[in-house]
Amino acid sequence: MSLSKKQVQHLRGLAHSLKPTVLLGNNGLTEAVLSEIELALGHHELIKVKVPSDDRDLKKQIIEAIVRETKAVKVHTIGHVLTIYKAAKEPKMVIPKI
């Protein structure tokens, strides 16, 4: 699934007021964390994930793994916070068709 620039801008606007739903701990990206992200995406569709890592390359690899494993769309990354979107089976959010 890919989104247009307008759709990404719309989702970024919606995500602005959100707090991180999932926080990665000292163990990093585990199966339990991935299942929690999947559960949160199924319920909210648009979530923020906090990836606390001082190593930029490691943080980039973790973000890529989250997007790949969840089959979500990366909306935005700023600092340690990743915003992702995945439409639910019965979508609750309406994003523009443009």
N, C-alpha and C. Protein backbone atom coordinates (compact mmCIF):
# COMPACT_ATOMS: atom_id res chain seq x y z
N MET A 1 0.84 -1.17 0.00
CA MET A 1 0.00 0.00 0.00
C MET A 1 0.89 1.24 0.00
N SER A 2 0.62 2.15 -0.89
CA SER A 2 1.35 3.41 -0.90
C SER A 2 0.36 4.56 -0.82
N LEU A 3 0.81 5.64 -0.26
CA LEU A 3 -0.04 6.79 -0.07
C LEU A 3 0.50 7.97 -0.86
N SER A 4 -0.42 8.82 -1.32
CA SER A 4 0.01 10.02 -2.02
C SER A 4 0.51 11.04 -1.01
N LYS A 5 1.12 12.09 -1.51
CA LYS A 5 1.64 13.13 -0.63
C LYS A 5 0.54 13.79 0.19
N LYS A 6 -0.60 14.02 -0.44
CA LYS A 6 -1.74 14.63 0.26
C LYS A 6 -2.26 13.71 1.37
N GLN A 7 -2.31 12.41 1.11
CA GLN A 7 -2.78 11.45 2.11
C GLN A 7 -1.81 11.41 3.30
N VAL A 8 -0.51 11.44 3.02
CA VAL A 8 0.48 11.44 4.08
C VAL A 8 0.36 12.72 4.91
N GLN A 9 0.17 13.85 4.25
CA GLN A 9 -0.01 15.12 4.97
C GLN A 9 -1.24 15.06 5.86
N HIS A 10 -2.31 14.48 5.36
CA HIS A 10 -3.54 14.35 6.14
C HIS A 10 -3.30 13.49 7.38
N LEU A 11 -2.63 12.35 7.20
CA LEU A 11 -2.35 11.46 8.32
C LEU A 11 -1.39 12.09 9.33
N ARG A 12 -0.41 12.86 8.83
CA ARG A 12 0.50 13.56 9.75
C ARG A 12 -0.27 14.56 10.61
N GLY A 13 -1.24 15.22 10.01
CA GLY A 13 -2.07 16.16 10.76
C GLY A 13 -2.89 15.46 11.83
N LEU A 14 -3.44 14.30 11.49
CA LEU A 14 -4.22 13.52 12.46
C LEU A 14 -3.33 12.99 13.59
N ALA A 15 -2.09 12.64 13.25
CA ALA A 15 -1.19 12.03 14.23
C ALA A 15 -0.54 13.06 15.15
N HIS A 16 -0.63 14.33 14.80
CA HIS A 16 0.07 15.36 15.56
C HIS A 16 -0.25 15.31 17.05
N SER A 17 -1.50 15.12 17.39
CA SER A 17 -1.90 15.15 18.80
C SER A 17 -1.77 13.79 19.50
N LEU A 18 -1.40 12.75 18.78
CA LEU A 18 -1.29 11.42 19.37
C LEU A 18 -0.04 11.27 20.23
N LYS A 19 -0.14 10.49 21.27
CA LYS A 19 1.00 10.11 22.08
C LYS A 19 1.47 8.74 21.60
N PRO A 20 2.75 8.39 21.80
CA PRO A 20 3.21 7.06 21.40
C PRO A 20 2.39 5.95 22.06
N THR A 21 1.91 5.02 21.24
CA THR A 21 1.08 3.92 21.72
C THR A 21 1.95 2.77 22.21
N VAL A 22 3.05 2.52 21.51
CA VAL A 22 3.94 1.41 21.85
C VAL A 22 5.33 1.98 22.09
N LEU A 23 5.95 1.57 23.18
CA LEU A 23 7.31 2.00 23.51
C LEU A 23 8.21 0.78 23.51
N LEU A 24 9.31 0.85 22.75
CA LEU A 24 10.27 -0.25 22.77
C LEU A 24 11.11 -0.15 24.03
N GLY A 25 11.39 -1.30 24.65
CA GLY A 25 12.16 -1.32 25.88
C GLY A 25 13.61 -1.67 25.64
N ASN A 26 14.28 -2.13 26.67
CA ASN A 26 15.70 -2.47 26.58
C ASN A 26 15.96 -3.67 25.69
N ASN A 27 14.96 -4.53 25.52
CA ASN A 27 15.13 -5.73 24.69
C ASN A 27 14.99 -5.43 23.21
N GLY A 28 14.61 -4.22 22.85
CA GLY A 28 14.49 -3.84 21.45
C GLY A 28 13.22 -4.40 20.82
N LEU A 29 13.31 -4.74 19.57
CA LEU A 29 12.17 -5.24 18.80
C LEU A 29 12.05 -6.75 18.98
N THR A 30 11.04 -7.17 19.73
CA THR A 30 10.81 -8.59 19.98
C THR A 30 9.47 -8.99 19.36
N GLU A 31 9.19 -10.28 19.37
CA GLU A 31 7.92 -10.78 18.85
C GLU A 31 6.75 -10.19 19.64
N ALA A 32 6.92 -10.04 20.95
CA ALA A 32 5.86 -9.47 21.79
C ALA A 32 5.57 -8.02 21.40
N VAL A 33 6.62 -7.28 21.13
CA VAL A 33 6.45 -5.88 20.72
C VAL A 33 5.77 -5.80 19.36
N LEU A 34 6.17 -6.66 18.44
CA LEU A 34 5.54 -6.68 17.12
C LEU A 34 4.06 -7.03 17.22
N SER A 35 3.72 -7.99 18.07
CA SER A 35 2.31 -8.36 18.21
C SER A 35 1.52 -7.22 18.86
N GLU A 36 2.15 -6.49 19.76
CA GLU A 36 1.49 -5.33 20.38
C GLU A 36 1.26 -4.22 19.35
N ILE A 37 2.23 -4.03 18.46
CA ILE A 37 2.08 -3.04 17.39
C ILE A 37 0.94 -3.45 16.46
N GLU A 38 0.90 -4.74 16.09
CA GLU A 38 -0.18 -5.25 15.23
C GLU A 38 -1.54 -5.04 15.89
N LEU A 39 -1.63 -5.32 17.17
CA LEU A 39 -2.88 -5.15 17.91
C LEU A 39 -3.30 -3.67 17.92
N ALA A 40 -2.34 -2.80 18.18
CA ALA A 40 -2.64 -1.36 18.21
C ALA A 40 -3.05 -0.85 16.83
N LEU A 41 -2.39 -1.33 15.78
CA LEU A 41 -2.76 -0.93 14.42
C LEU A 41 -4.16 -1.40 14.08
N GLY A 42 -4.51 -2.61 14.48
CA GLY A 42 -5.84 -3.13 14.22
C GLY A 42 -6.92 -2.34 14.92
N HIS A 43 -6.58 -1.79 16.06
CA HIS A 43 -7.57 -1.03 16.84
C HIS A 43 -7.61 0.44 16.45
N HIS A 44 -6.44 1.05 16.23
CA HIS A 44 -6.37 2.50 15.99
C HIS A 44 -6.09 2.90 14.54
N GLU A 45 -5.46 2.05 13.76
CA GLU A 45 -5.05 2.28 12.37
C GLU A 45 -3.86 3.23 12.25
N LEU A 46 -3.81 4.28 13.03
CA LEU A 46 -2.72 5.25 12.98
C LEU A 46 -2.11 5.32 14.38
N ILE A 47 -0.84 4.92 14.50
CA ILE A 47 -0.20 4.91 15.81
C ILE A 47 1.20 5.49 15.74
N LYS A 48 1.70 5.82 16.93
CA LYS A 48 3.09 6.24 17.07
C LYS A 48 3.82 5.19 17.89
N VAL A 49 5.06 4.92 17.48
CA VAL A 49 5.91 3.96 18.18
C VAL A 49 7.19 4.69 18.57
N LYS A 50 7.57 4.61 19.84
CA LYS A 50 8.79 5.25 20.29
C LYS A 50 9.93 4.24 20.25
N VAL A 51 10.99 4.59 19.52
CA VAL A 51 12.15 3.73 19.33
C VAL A 51 13.36 4.41 19.98
N PRO A 52 13.59 4.17 21.27
CA PRO A 52 14.69 4.85 21.94
C PRO A 52 16.03 4.18 21.64
N SER A 53 16.81 4.80 20.78
CA SER A 53 18.14 4.28 20.45
C SER A 53 19.02 5.45 20.06
N ASP A 54 20.22 5.47 20.60
CA ASP A 54 21.15 6.54 20.26
C ASP A 54 21.88 6.26 18.96
N ASP A 55 21.92 5.00 18.55
CA ASP A 55 22.59 4.60 17.32
C ASP A 55 21.63 4.80 16.14
N ARG A 56 21.96 5.72 15.25
CA ARG A 56 21.07 6.03 14.12
C ARG A 56 20.85 4.85 13.19
N ASP A 57 21.91 4.10 12.92
CA ASP A 57 21.78 2.94 12.02
C ASP A 57 20.88 1.87 12.63
N LEU A 58 21.04 1.62 13.92
CA LEU A 58 20.19 0.63 14.59
C LEU A 58 18.75 1.09 14.60
N LYS A 59 18.52 2.37 14.88
CA LYS A 59 17.16 2.91 14.89
C LYS A 59 16.52 2.79 13.50
N LYS A 60 17.30 3.07 12.46
CA LYS A 60 16.79 2.95 11.09
C LYS A 60 16.44 1.50 10.76
N GLN A 61 17.26 0.55 11.19
CA GLN A 61 16.98 -0.86 10.96
C GLN A 61 15.73 -1.32 11.70
N ILE A 62 15.55 -0.84 12.93
CA ILE A 62 14.37 -1.20 13.70
C ILE A 62 13.12 -0.66 13.04
N ILE A 63 13.17 0.59 12.58
CA ILE A 63 12.02 1.21 11.92
C ILE A 63 11.67 0.46 10.64
N GLU A 64 12.68 0.11 9.84
CA GLU A 64 12.44 -0.65 8.62
C GLU A 64 11.84 -2.02 8.94
N ALA A 65 12.31 -2.66 10.00
CA ALA A 65 11.78 -3.97 10.39
C ALA A 65 10.33 -3.87 10.84
N ILE A 66 9.99 -2.82 11.58
CA ILE A 66 8.61 -2.64 12.03
C ILE A 66 7.69 -2.47 10.83
N VAL A 67 8.08 -1.61 9.89
CA VAL A 67 7.26 -1.37 8.70
C VAL A 67 7.12 -2.64 7.86
N ARG A 68 8.23 -3.36 7.69
CA ARG A 68 8.21 -4.59 6.88
C ARG A 68 7.36 -5.68 7.54
N GLU A 69 7.55 -5.91 8.83
CA GLU A 69 6.86 -7.00 9.51
C GLU A 69 5.37 -6.74 9.69
N THR A 70 4.99 -5.49 9.89
CA THR A 70 3.57 -5.17 10.10
C THR A 70 2.84 -4.88 8.80
N LYS A 71 3.60 -4.70 7.71
CA LYS A 71 3.03 -4.35 6.41
C LYS A 71 2.25 -3.03 6.50
N ALA A 72 2.76 -2.13 7.33
CA ALA A 72 2.15 -0.82 7.50
C ALA A 72 2.87 0.19 6.60
N VAL A 73 2.35 1.39 6.57
CA VAL A 73 2.95 2.47 5.79
C VAL A 73 3.59 3.46 6.76
N LYS A 74 4.84 3.77 6.51
CA LYS A 74 5.53 4.76 7.34
C LYS A 74 5.03 6.14 6.94
N VAL A 75 4.42 6.83 7.88
CA VAL A 75 3.87 8.16 7.63
C VAL A 75 4.93 9.21 7.91
N HIS A 76 5.62 9.06 9.03
CA HIS A 76 6.56 10.10 9.44
C HIS A 76 7.48 9.57 10.53
N THR A 77 8.69 10.07 10.54
CA THR A 77 9.62 9.79 11.63
C THR A 77 10.22 11.11 12.07
N ILE A 78 10.16 11.36 13.35
CA ILE A 78 10.81 12.55 13.90
C ILE A 78 11.45 12.16 15.23
N GLY A 79 12.74 12.37 15.32
CA GLY A 79 13.46 11.98 16.53
C GLY A 79 13.38 10.49 16.76
N HIS A 80 12.85 10.10 17.90
CA HIS A 80 12.73 8.69 18.25
C HIS A 80 11.33 8.15 18.00
N VAL A 81 10.47 8.94 17.39
CA VAL A 81 9.06 8.55 17.24
C VAL A 81 8.73 8.25 15.77
N LEU A 82 8.18 7.07 15.56
CA LEU A 82 7.75 6.61 14.24
C LEU A 82 6.23 6.63 14.20
N THR A 83 5.67 7.19 13.13
CA THR A 83 4.22 7.18 12.93
C THR A 83 3.93 6.25 11.77
N ILE A 84 3.04 5.26 12.00
CA ILE A 84 2.69 4.31 10.95
C ILE A 84 1.18 4.20 10.82
N TYR A 85 0.75 3.79 9.62
CA TYR A 85 -0.67 3.64 9.32
C TYR A 85 -0.89 2.31 8.63
N LYS A 86 -1.96 1.65 9.03
CA LYS A 86 -2.39 0.43 8.36
C LYS A 86 -3.91 0.36 8.46
N ALA A 87 -4.57 0.31 7.31
CA ALA A 87 -6.03 0.28 7.29
C ALA A 87 -6.52 -1.02 7.91
N ALA A 88 -7.53 -0.91 8.74
CA ALA A 88 -8.13 -2.08 9.37
C ALA A 88 -9.04 -2.79 8.36
N LYS A 89 -9.47 -3.99 8.71
CA LYS A 89 -10.39 -4.72 7.82
C LYS A 89 -11.68 -3.94 7.64
N GLU A 90 -12.11 -3.29 8.70
CA GLU A 90 -13.25 -2.38 8.62
C GLU A 90 -12.74 -1.00 9.00
N PRO A 91 -12.29 -0.21 8.01
CA PRO A 91 -11.64 1.07 8.32
C PRO A 91 -12.52 2.01 9.12
N LYS A 92 -11.89 2.65 10.11
CA LYS A 92 -12.55 3.63 10.94
C LYS A 92 -12.20 5.04 10.49
N MET A 93 -11.03 5.18 9.89
CA MET A 93 -10.55 6.48 9.43
C MET A 93 -10.86 6.67 7.96
N VAL A 94 -11.13 7.89 7.59
CA VAL A 94 -11.35 8.22 6.20
C VAL A 94 -10.18 9.09 5.75
N ILE A 95 -9.44 8.60 4.76
CA ILE A 95 -8.36 9.40 4.23
C ILE A 95 -8.75 9.86 2.83
N PRO A 96 -8.28 11.04 2.41
CA PRO A 96 -8.67 11.55 1.10
C PRO A 96 -8.22 10.63 -0.03
N LYS A 97 -8.98 10.62 -1.11
CA LYS A 97 -8.68 9.74 -2.26
C LYS A 97 -7.62 10.32 -3.17
N ILE A 98 -7.23 11.55 -2.96
CA ILE A 98 -6.30 12.26 -3.85
C ILE A 98 -4.94 11.62 -3.83
